[in-house]
Amino acid sequence: MTPPEPTGRLERTPAGHDLILSRTYRAPLADVWAGVTEPERTARWFGPWRGEPGPGRTVEVRMAFEESADWSPLRIDACEPPHRLAVSATDAAGTWRLELRLTETAGVTELQLVQHFTDTGALGSVGPGWEYYLDLHTAARTDGPLPDFADYYPAQKAYYDALAHP
């Protein structure tokens, strides 16, 4: 089987860079939003979360497909249903600032995952990870086979390293 092609792009911003990855679904906006915000559905592709959601609040998330599946705090910076969710977290790897942006046109919903970077040094490992998680999301939506992380990393590392260091 051919490894999946990387899809991310890197855009310069006043604060650094944004890594943007997209997937499209022939599904209503509300259904895709539910798939990225309801704990029962996020558990199938990202991991479960618990707590009282809302802007300015912190919930706990457990990334189901990581080796260390501990519960970690995740701050909800903005929640604008069903179009935008912005979250942030700090861990041993640094600070993560992420957004999910959703738009629907003629019954097709585009989901964009955006990670805001001030330093793109880890892009070679982060990019393939988000490709994998978005394809897990697609598999969960379609009840398709789960992707294998080995098909993403290190196969896509060079692509993302090149984005960070053109």
N, C-alpha and C. Protein backbone atom coordinates (compact mmCIF):
# COMPACT_ATOMS: atom_id res chain seq x y z
N MET A 1 0.85 -1.19 0.00
CA MET A 1 0.00 0.00 0.00
C MET A 1 0.89 1.24 0.00
N THR A 2 0.51 2.22 -0.78
CA THR A 2 1.24 3.47 -0.87
C THR A 2 0.94 4.34 0.35
N PRO A 3 1.97 4.88 0.99
CA PRO A 3 1.71 5.78 2.13
C PRO A 3 0.87 6.97 1.70
N PRO A 4 0.04 7.50 2.59
CA PRO A 4 -0.77 8.67 2.24
C PRO A 4 0.11 9.87 1.95
N GLU A 5 -0.36 10.68 1.01
CA GLU A 5 0.36 11.90 0.66
C GLU A 5 0.10 12.98 1.71
N PRO A 6 1.13 13.70 2.12
CA PRO A 6 0.91 14.80 3.08
C PRO A 6 0.13 15.93 2.41
N THR A 7 -0.70 16.59 3.20
CA THR A 7 -1.59 17.62 2.66
C THR A 7 -1.37 18.99 3.29
N GLY A 8 -0.61 19.06 4.35
CA GLY A 8 -0.48 20.31 5.09
C GLY A 8 0.24 21.40 4.32
N ARG A 9 -0.10 22.62 4.69
CA ARG A 9 0.62 23.77 4.14
C ARG A 9 0.97 24.70 5.30
N LEU A 10 2.02 25.45 5.12
CA LEU A 10 2.50 26.35 6.16
C LEU A 10 2.34 27.78 5.65
N GLU A 11 1.68 28.61 6.46
CA GLU A 11 1.50 30.01 6.10
C GLU A 11 2.12 30.90 7.16
N ARG A 12 2.81 31.92 6.71
CA ARG A 12 3.41 32.91 7.62
C ARG A 12 2.30 33.78 8.19
N THR A 13 2.40 34.10 9.47
CA THR A 13 1.45 34.99 10.14
C THR A 13 2.26 36.05 10.89
N PRO A 14 1.62 37.11 11.37
CA PRO A 14 2.35 38.11 12.15
C PRO A 14 3.00 37.51 13.41
N ALA A 15 2.42 36.44 13.96
CA ALA A 15 2.95 35.84 15.19
C ALA A 15 3.88 34.65 14.94
N GLY A 16 4.04 34.24 13.69
CA GLY A 16 4.88 33.07 13.40
C GLY A 16 4.40 32.36 12.14
N HIS A 17 3.88 31.14 12.32
CA HIS A 17 3.40 30.34 11.19
C HIS A 17 2.17 29.55 11.61
N ASP A 18 1.31 29.27 10.64
CA ASP A 18 0.18 28.37 10.84
C ASP A 18 0.36 27.15 9.95
N LEU A 19 0.26 25.97 10.55
CA LEU A 19 0.18 24.73 9.80
C LEU A 19 -1.31 24.47 9.59
N ILE A 20 -1.72 24.29 8.33
CA ILE A 20 -3.13 24.10 8.00
C ILE A 20 -3.29 22.78 7.25
N LEU A 21 -4.15 21.92 7.79
CA LEU A 21 -4.48 20.65 7.15
C LEU A 21 -6.00 20.60 6.99
N SER A 22 -6.47 20.08 5.87
CA SER A 22 -7.90 20.06 5.58
C SER A 22 -8.37 18.67 5.18
N ARG A 23 -9.63 18.42 5.50
CA ARG A 23 -10.34 17.24 5.01
C ARG A 23 -11.74 17.70 4.63
N THR A 24 -12.34 17.08 3.64
CA THR A 24 -13.71 17.40 3.26
C THR A 24 -14.58 16.17 3.42
N TYR A 25 -15.82 16.42 3.80
CA TYR A 25 -16.78 15.34 4.06
C TYR A 25 -18.10 15.69 3.39
N ARG A 26 -18.68 14.72 2.74
CA ARG A 26 -20.02 14.90 2.20
C ARG A 26 -20.98 14.66 3.36
N ALA A 27 -21.11 15.70 4.19
CA ALA A 27 -21.91 15.61 5.41
C ALA A 27 -22.28 17.01 5.85
N PRO A 28 -23.40 17.14 6.57
CA PRO A 28 -23.79 18.45 7.08
C PRO A 28 -22.80 18.99 8.10
N LEU A 29 -22.70 20.28 8.14
CA LEU A 29 -21.82 20.97 9.08
C LEU A 29 -22.07 20.51 10.52
N ALA A 30 -23.33 20.43 10.93
CA ALA A 30 -23.66 20.06 12.31
C ALA A 30 -23.13 18.67 12.66
N ASP A 31 -23.15 17.75 11.71
CA ASP A 31 -22.67 16.39 11.97
C ASP A 31 -21.15 16.36 12.13
N VAL A 32 -20.44 17.11 11.29
CA VAL A 32 -18.98 17.15 11.41
C VAL A 32 -18.60 17.85 12.72
N TRP A 33 -19.31 18.93 13.07
CA TRP A 33 -19.06 19.62 14.34
C TRP A 33 -19.23 18.65 15.51
N ALA A 34 -20.30 17.88 15.50
CA ALA A 34 -20.53 16.91 16.57
C ALA A 34 -19.38 15.90 16.65
N GLY A 35 -18.85 15.52 15.49
CA GLY A 35 -17.74 14.56 15.46
C GLY A 35 -16.44 15.07 16.05
N VAL A 36 -16.31 16.39 16.14
CA VAL A 36 -15.08 16.96 16.70
C VAL A 36 -15.29 17.58 18.07
N THR A 37 -16.53 17.52 18.59
CA THR A 37 -16.79 18.13 19.90
C THR A 37 -17.47 17.22 20.91
N GLU A 38 -18.20 16.21 20.48
CA GLU A 38 -18.90 15.34 21.43
C GLU A 38 -17.94 14.25 21.93
N PRO A 39 -17.82 14.09 23.26
CA PRO A 39 -16.81 13.16 23.78
C PRO A 39 -16.96 11.72 23.29
N GLU A 40 -18.18 11.26 23.07
CA GLU A 40 -18.37 9.89 22.59
C GLU A 40 -17.80 9.73 21.18
N ARG A 41 -17.90 10.79 20.40
CA ARG A 41 -17.42 10.73 19.02
C ARG A 41 -15.93 11.04 18.93
N THR A 42 -15.43 11.98 19.74
CA THR A 42 -13.98 12.25 19.70
C THR A 42 -13.19 11.05 20.20
N ALA A 43 -13.79 10.25 21.08
CA ALA A 43 -13.11 9.06 21.60
C ALA A 43 -12.76 8.08 20.50
N ARG A 44 -13.49 8.10 19.41
CA ARG A 44 -13.27 7.15 18.32
C ARG A 44 -12.08 7.51 17.44
N TRP A 45 -11.63 8.78 17.48
CA TRP A 45 -10.54 9.16 16.58
C TRP A 45 -9.44 9.98 17.25
N PHE A 46 -9.75 10.67 18.28
CA PHE A 46 -8.75 11.51 18.95
C PHE A 46 -8.53 11.04 20.38
N GLY A 47 -9.63 10.94 21.09
CA GLY A 47 -9.61 10.51 22.47
C GLY A 47 -10.78 11.13 23.20
N PRO A 48 -11.14 10.56 24.32
CA PRO A 48 -12.26 11.12 25.08
C PRO A 48 -11.83 12.38 25.82
N TRP A 49 -12.83 13.14 26.21
CA TRP A 49 -12.58 14.29 27.06
C TRP A 49 -13.66 14.33 28.13
N ARG A 50 -13.31 15.02 29.22
CA ARG A 50 -14.27 15.13 30.32
C ARG A 50 -14.14 16.53 30.93
N GLY A 51 -15.23 16.95 31.56
CA GLY A 51 -15.24 18.26 32.18
C GLY A 51 -16.39 19.09 31.65
N GLU A 52 -16.47 20.30 32.13
CA GLU A 52 -17.53 21.23 31.73
C GLU A 52 -16.99 22.13 30.63
N PRO A 53 -17.44 21.94 29.37
CA PRO A 53 -16.88 22.74 28.28
C PRO A 53 -17.41 24.17 28.28
N GLY A 54 -16.66 25.02 27.65
CA GLY A 54 -17.06 26.41 27.46
C GLY A 54 -15.84 27.29 27.31
N PRO A 55 -15.97 28.41 26.61
CA PRO A 55 -14.85 29.32 26.45
C PRO A 55 -14.27 29.74 27.80
N GLY A 56 -12.95 29.68 27.90
CA GLY A 56 -12.27 30.05 29.13
C GLY A 56 -12.18 28.91 30.14
N ARG A 57 -12.81 27.79 29.85
CA ARG A 57 -12.78 26.65 30.77
C ARG A 57 -11.72 25.65 30.32
N THR A 58 -11.36 24.78 31.24
CA THR A 58 -10.40 23.73 30.95
C THR A 58 -11.08 22.38 31.13
N VAL A 59 -10.94 21.52 30.13
CA VAL A 59 -11.40 20.14 30.20
C VAL A 59 -10.15 19.25 30.22
N GLU A 60 -10.36 17.97 30.43
CA GLU A 60 -9.25 17.02 30.36
C GLU A 60 -9.48 16.13 29.15
N VAL A 61 -8.40 15.85 28.44
CA VAL A 61 -8.46 14.99 27.26
C VAL A 61 -7.42 13.88 27.40
N ARG A 62 -7.75 12.74 26.86
CA ARG A 62 -6.80 11.62 26.83
C ARG A 62 -6.66 11.19 25.37
N MET A 63 -5.50 11.46 24.79
CA MET A 63 -5.27 11.11 23.40
C MET A 63 -5.14 9.59 23.31
N ALA A 64 -6.13 8.97 22.69
CA ALA A 64 -6.26 7.52 22.70
C ALA A 64 -5.19 6.79 21.89
N PHE A 65 -4.55 7.48 20.97
CA PHE A 65 -3.61 6.79 20.09
C PHE A 65 -2.16 7.18 20.37
N GLU A 66 -1.90 7.66 21.57
CA GLU A 66 -0.53 7.98 21.99
C GLU A 66 -0.06 6.93 22.99
N GLU A 67 1.24 6.75 23.09
CA GLU A 67 1.77 5.74 24.00
C GLU A 67 1.42 6.05 25.45
N SER A 68 1.54 7.28 25.86
CA SER A 68 1.17 7.65 27.23
C SER A 68 -0.20 8.30 27.19
N ALA A 69 -1.19 7.54 27.57
CA ALA A 69 -2.57 8.01 27.45
C ALA A 69 -3.08 8.59 28.77
N ASP A 70 -2.32 9.51 29.36
CA ASP A 70 -2.75 10.16 30.58
C ASP A 70 -3.74 11.27 30.25
N TRP A 71 -4.58 11.61 31.21
CA TRP A 71 -5.49 12.74 31.06
C TRP A 71 -4.67 14.02 31.16
N SER A 72 -4.91 14.94 30.25
CA SER A 72 -4.17 16.20 30.21
C SER A 72 -5.14 17.37 30.10
N PRO A 73 -4.80 18.51 30.73
CA PRO A 73 -5.67 19.68 30.63
C PRO A 73 -5.64 20.27 29.23
N LEU A 74 -6.81 20.72 28.77
CA LEU A 74 -6.96 21.36 27.48
C LEU A 74 -7.89 22.56 27.68
N ARG A 75 -7.35 23.74 27.46
CA ARG A 75 -8.12 24.97 27.66
C ARG A 75 -8.91 25.29 26.40
N ILE A 76 -10.17 25.61 26.57
CA ILE A 76 -11.01 26.03 25.45
C ILE A 76 -10.90 27.56 25.36
N ASP A 77 -10.20 28.02 24.35
CA ASP A 77 -9.97 29.45 24.18
C ASP A 77 -11.14 30.13 23.48
N ALA A 78 -11.78 29.43 22.56
CA ALA A 78 -12.94 29.96 21.85
C ALA A 78 -13.79 28.80 21.37
N CYS A 79 -15.10 28.99 21.41
CA CYS A 79 -16.02 27.99 20.89
C CYS A 79 -17.17 28.72 20.22
N GLU A 80 -17.23 28.60 18.90
CA GLU A 80 -18.24 29.27 18.09
C GLU A 80 -18.96 28.23 17.24
N PRO A 81 -19.88 27.47 17.88
CA PRO A 81 -20.56 26.39 17.16
C PRO A 81 -21.34 26.91 15.96
N PRO A 82 -21.38 26.21 14.88
CA PRO A 82 -20.61 25.01 14.56
C PRO A 82 -19.42 25.29 13.65
N HIS A 83 -18.79 26.45 13.82
CA HIS A 83 -17.76 26.87 12.86
C HIS A 83 -16.33 26.89 13.39
N ARG A 84 -16.12 27.10 14.68
CA ARG A 84 -14.74 27.29 15.14
C ARG A 84 -14.59 26.85 16.59
N LEU A 85 -13.52 26.10 16.83
CA LEU A 85 -13.12 25.70 18.17
C LEU A 85 -11.63 25.97 18.28
N ALA A 86 -11.22 26.75 19.27
CA ALA A 86 -9.79 27.04 19.50
C ALA A 86 -9.44 26.54 20.90
N VAL A 87 -8.34 25.79 20.98
CA VAL A 87 -7.91 25.21 22.25
C VAL A 87 -6.41 25.40 22.40
N SER A 88 -5.95 25.27 23.64
CA SER A 88 -4.51 25.34 23.90
C SER A 88 -4.16 24.40 25.04
N ALA A 89 -2.92 23.96 25.02
CA ALA A 89 -2.41 23.06 26.06
C ALA A 89 -0.91 23.26 26.17
N THR A 90 -0.39 22.96 27.33
CA THR A 90 1.05 22.98 27.55
C THR A 90 1.45 21.63 28.11
N ASP A 91 2.50 21.06 27.51
CA ASP A 91 3.02 19.78 28.00
C ASP A 91 4.54 19.79 27.86
N ALA A 92 5.15 18.64 27.99
CA ALA A 92 6.61 18.55 27.93
C ALA A 92 7.15 19.01 26.57
N ALA A 93 6.35 18.91 25.52
CA ALA A 93 6.78 19.32 24.19
C ALA A 93 6.61 20.81 23.94
N GLY A 94 5.94 21.51 24.86
CA GLY A 94 5.74 22.95 24.68
C GLY A 94 4.28 23.33 24.75
N THR A 95 3.96 24.47 24.15
CA THR A 95 2.60 24.97 24.12
C THR A 95 1.98 24.66 22.76
N TRP A 96 0.78 24.13 22.79
CA TRP A 96 0.03 23.77 21.59
C TRP A 96 -1.15 24.73 21.47
N ARG A 97 -1.24 25.44 20.37
CA ARG A 97 -2.39 26.32 20.10
C ARG A 97 -3.03 25.83 18.80
N LEU A 98 -4.26 25.34 18.92
CA LEU A 98 -4.93 24.68 17.81
C LEU A 98 -6.29 25.30 17.55
N GLU A 99 -6.72 25.22 16.30
CA GLU A 99 -8.06 25.63 15.92
C GLU A 99 -8.65 24.58 14.99
N LEU A 100 -9.94 24.36 15.12
CA LEU A 100 -10.70 23.62 14.13
C LEU A 100 -11.67 24.62 13.51
N ARG A 101 -11.64 24.71 12.18
CA ARG A 101 -12.52 25.62 11.44
C ARG A 101 -13.35 24.79 10.48
N LEU A 102 -14.65 25.01 10.49
CA LEU A 102 -15.55 24.24 9.65
C LEU A 102 -16.40 25.16 8.79
N THR A 103 -16.54 24.80 7.52
CA THR A 103 -17.42 25.52 6.60
C THR A 103 -18.17 24.50 5.76
N GLU A 104 -19.39 24.84 5.38
CA GLU A 104 -20.19 23.94 4.54
C GLU A 104 -20.63 24.67 3.29
N THR A 105 -20.52 23.98 2.17
CA THR A 105 -20.99 24.47 0.88
C THR A 105 -21.68 23.33 0.16
N ALA A 106 -22.96 23.50 -0.14
CA ALA A 106 -23.73 22.53 -0.92
C ALA A 106 -23.62 21.11 -0.35
N GLY A 107 -23.74 20.98 0.97
CA GLY A 107 -23.73 19.66 1.59
C GLY A 107 -22.36 19.05 1.79
N VAL A 108 -21.32 19.79 1.50
CA VAL A 108 -19.94 19.32 1.71
C VAL A 108 -19.30 20.20 2.77
N THR A 109 -18.79 19.57 3.82
CA THR A 109 -18.18 20.32 4.92
C THR A 109 -16.66 20.16 4.86
N GLU A 110 -15.99 21.30 4.94
CA GLU A 110 -14.53 21.29 5.01
C GLU A 110 -14.14 21.51 6.47
N LEU A 111 -13.25 20.65 6.94
CA LEU A 111 -12.67 20.76 8.28
C LEU A 111 -11.22 21.15 8.10
N GLN A 112 -10.84 22.26 8.71
CA GLN A 112 -9.43 22.67 8.73
C GLN A 112 -8.92 22.55 10.15
N LEU A 113 -7.80 21.89 10.31
CA LEU A 113 -7.08 21.88 11.57
C LEU A 113 -5.91 22.84 11.40
N VAL A 114 -5.81 23.80 12.30
CA VAL A 114 -4.75 24.81 12.23
C VAL A 114 -3.95 24.75 13.53
N GLN A 115 -2.64 24.59 13.40
CA GLN A 115 -1.78 24.72 14.57
C GLN A 115 -0.95 25.97 14.40
N HIS A 116 -0.99 26.83 15.42
CA HIS A 116 -0.24 28.08 15.41
C HIS A 116 1.14 27.82 16.01
N PHE A 117 2.17 28.19 15.27
CA PHE A 117 3.55 27.98 15.71
C PHE A 117 4.28 29.31 15.84
N THR A 118 5.10 29.43 16.87
CA THR A 118 6.09 30.51 16.92
C THR A 118 7.44 29.98 16.47
N ASP A 119 7.64 28.65 16.59
CA ASP A 119 8.87 27.98 16.18
C ASP A 119 8.47 26.70 15.45
N THR A 120 8.90 26.53 14.21
CA THR A 120 8.51 25.37 13.40
C THR A 120 9.52 24.22 13.48
N GLY A 121 10.39 24.23 14.46
CA GLY A 121 11.42 23.21 14.57
C GLY A 121 10.90 21.78 14.67
N ALA A 122 9.73 21.59 15.24
CA ALA A 122 9.18 20.24 15.41
C ALA A 122 8.19 19.86 14.31
N LEU A 123 8.10 20.67 13.27
CA LEU A 123 7.09 20.43 12.23
C LEU A 123 7.23 19.05 11.59
N GLY A 124 8.46 18.55 11.46
CA GLY A 124 8.69 17.24 10.84
C GLY A 124 8.04 16.09 11.57
N SER A 125 7.79 16.23 12.85
CA SER A 125 7.09 15.18 13.59
C SER A 125 5.64 15.54 13.86
N VAL A 126 5.34 16.82 14.00
CA VAL A 126 3.97 17.25 14.30
C VAL A 126 3.06 17.08 13.08
N GLY A 127 3.52 17.49 11.91
CA GLY A 127 2.69 17.41 10.70
C GLY A 127 2.19 16.00 10.42
N PRO A 128 3.08 15.00 10.39
CA PRO A 128 2.59 13.64 10.15
C PRO A 128 1.61 13.17 11.22
N GLY A 129 1.79 13.63 12.45
CA GLY A 129 0.86 13.26 13.51
C GLY A 129 -0.53 13.78 13.26
N TRP A 130 -0.65 15.03 12.82
CA TRP A 130 -1.98 15.58 12.53
C TRP A 130 -2.59 14.94 11.29
N GLU A 131 -1.78 14.60 10.29
CA GLU A 131 -2.30 13.86 9.13
C GLU A 131 -2.95 12.56 9.60
N TYR A 132 -2.23 11.86 10.48
CA TYR A 132 -2.71 10.59 11.03
C TYR A 132 -4.03 10.79 11.78
N TYR A 133 -4.08 11.78 12.67
CA TYR A 133 -5.30 12.00 13.44
C TYR A 133 -6.48 12.40 12.55
N LEU A 134 -6.25 13.22 11.54
CA LEU A 134 -7.35 13.57 10.64
C LEU A 134 -7.83 12.37 9.84
N ASP A 135 -6.91 11.48 9.47
CA ASP A 135 -7.34 10.26 8.78
C ASP A 135 -8.04 9.30 9.75
N LEU A 136 -7.67 9.32 11.02
CA LEU A 136 -8.44 8.58 12.03
C LEU A 136 -9.86 9.13 12.10
N HIS A 137 -9.99 10.45 12.05
CA HIS A 137 -11.30 11.08 12.06
C HIS A 137 -12.13 10.61 10.86
N THR A 138 -11.53 10.58 9.68
CA THR A 138 -12.22 10.10 8.49
C THR A 138 -12.64 8.65 8.66
N ALA A 139 -11.76 7.81 9.17
CA ALA A 139 -12.09 6.40 9.39
C ALA A 139 -13.24 6.25 10.38
N ALA A 140 -13.24 7.06 11.43
CA ALA A 140 -14.32 7.00 12.42
C ALA A 140 -15.65 7.42 11.80
N ARG A 141 -15.62 8.40 10.91
CA ARG A 141 -16.85 8.87 10.26
C ARG A 141 -17.41 7.83 9.31
N THR A 142 -16.54 7.06 8.67
CA THR A 142 -16.98 6.12 7.63
C THR A 142 -16.97 4.67 8.09
N ASP A 143 -16.59 4.44 9.35
CA ASP A 143 -16.39 3.07 9.85
C ASP A 143 -15.38 2.32 8.99
N GLY A 144 -14.41 3.06 8.46
CA GLY A 144 -13.38 2.45 7.63
C GLY A 144 -12.24 1.92 8.48
N PRO A 145 -11.27 1.28 7.85
CA PRO A 145 -10.13 0.75 8.59
C PRO A 145 -9.28 1.88 9.19
N LEU A 146 -8.76 1.65 10.38
CA LEU A 146 -7.93 2.65 11.04
C LEU A 146 -6.58 2.72 10.35
N PRO A 147 -6.08 3.92 10.13
CA PRO A 147 -4.74 4.04 9.53
C PRO A 147 -3.67 3.58 10.51
N ASP A 148 -2.50 3.32 9.98
CA ASP A 148 -1.35 2.89 10.77
C ASP A 148 -0.36 4.07 10.83
N PHE A 149 0.01 4.48 12.04
CA PHE A 149 0.90 5.63 12.19
C PHE A 149 2.22 5.42 11.44
N ALA A 150 2.66 4.19 11.31
CA ALA A 150 3.91 3.90 10.60
C ALA A 150 3.84 4.32 9.13
N ASP A 151 2.64 4.49 8.58
CA ASP A 151 2.50 4.97 7.21
C ASP A 151 2.69 6.49 7.10
N TYR A 152 2.69 7.17 8.23
CA TYR A 152 2.79 8.63 8.26
C TYR A 152 4.17 9.11 8.72
N TYR A 153 4.67 8.44 9.71
CA TYR A 153 5.97 8.84 10.26
C TYR A 153 6.87 7.61 10.31
N PRO A 154 8.02 7.69 9.70
CA PRO A 154 8.74 8.86 9.20
C PRO A 154 8.50 9.22 7.74
N ALA A 155 7.58 8.53 7.05
CA ALA A 155 7.39 8.74 5.61
C ALA A 155 7.12 10.21 5.25
N GLN A 156 6.39 10.95 6.09
CA GLN A 156 6.05 12.33 5.76
C GLN A 156 6.97 13.36 6.42
N LYS A 157 7.93 12.90 7.19
CA LYS A 157 8.81 13.81 7.92
C LYS A 157 9.55 14.77 6.98
N ALA A 158 10.10 14.26 5.89
CA ALA A 158 10.88 15.11 4.98
C ALA A 158 10.00 16.20 4.36
N TYR A 159 8.76 15.88 4.03
CA TYR A 159 7.84 16.88 3.47
C TYR A 159 7.66 18.03 4.47
N TYR A 160 7.39 17.69 5.73
CA TYR A 160 7.14 18.74 6.72
C TYR A 160 8.42 19.46 7.13
N ASP A 161 9.54 18.77 7.15
CA ASP A 161 10.81 19.46 7.39
C ASP A 161 11.07 20.49 6.30
N ALA A 162 10.74 20.14 5.06
CA ALA A 162 10.96 21.06 3.93
C ALA A 162 10.03 22.29 4.05
N LEU A 163 8.82 22.10 4.57
CA LEU A 163 7.94 23.26 4.78
C LEU A 163 8.55 24.21 5.79
N ALA A 164 9.14 23.64 6.83
CA ALA A 164 9.71 24.45 7.91
C ALA A 164 11.01 25.13 7.48
N HIS A 165 11.74 24.49 6.59
CA HIS A 165 13.05 25.01 6.17
C HIS A 165 13.15 24.97 4.65
N PRO A 166 12.42 25.86 3.96
CA PRO A 166 12.43 25.82 2.49
C PRO A 166 13.77 26.15 1.88
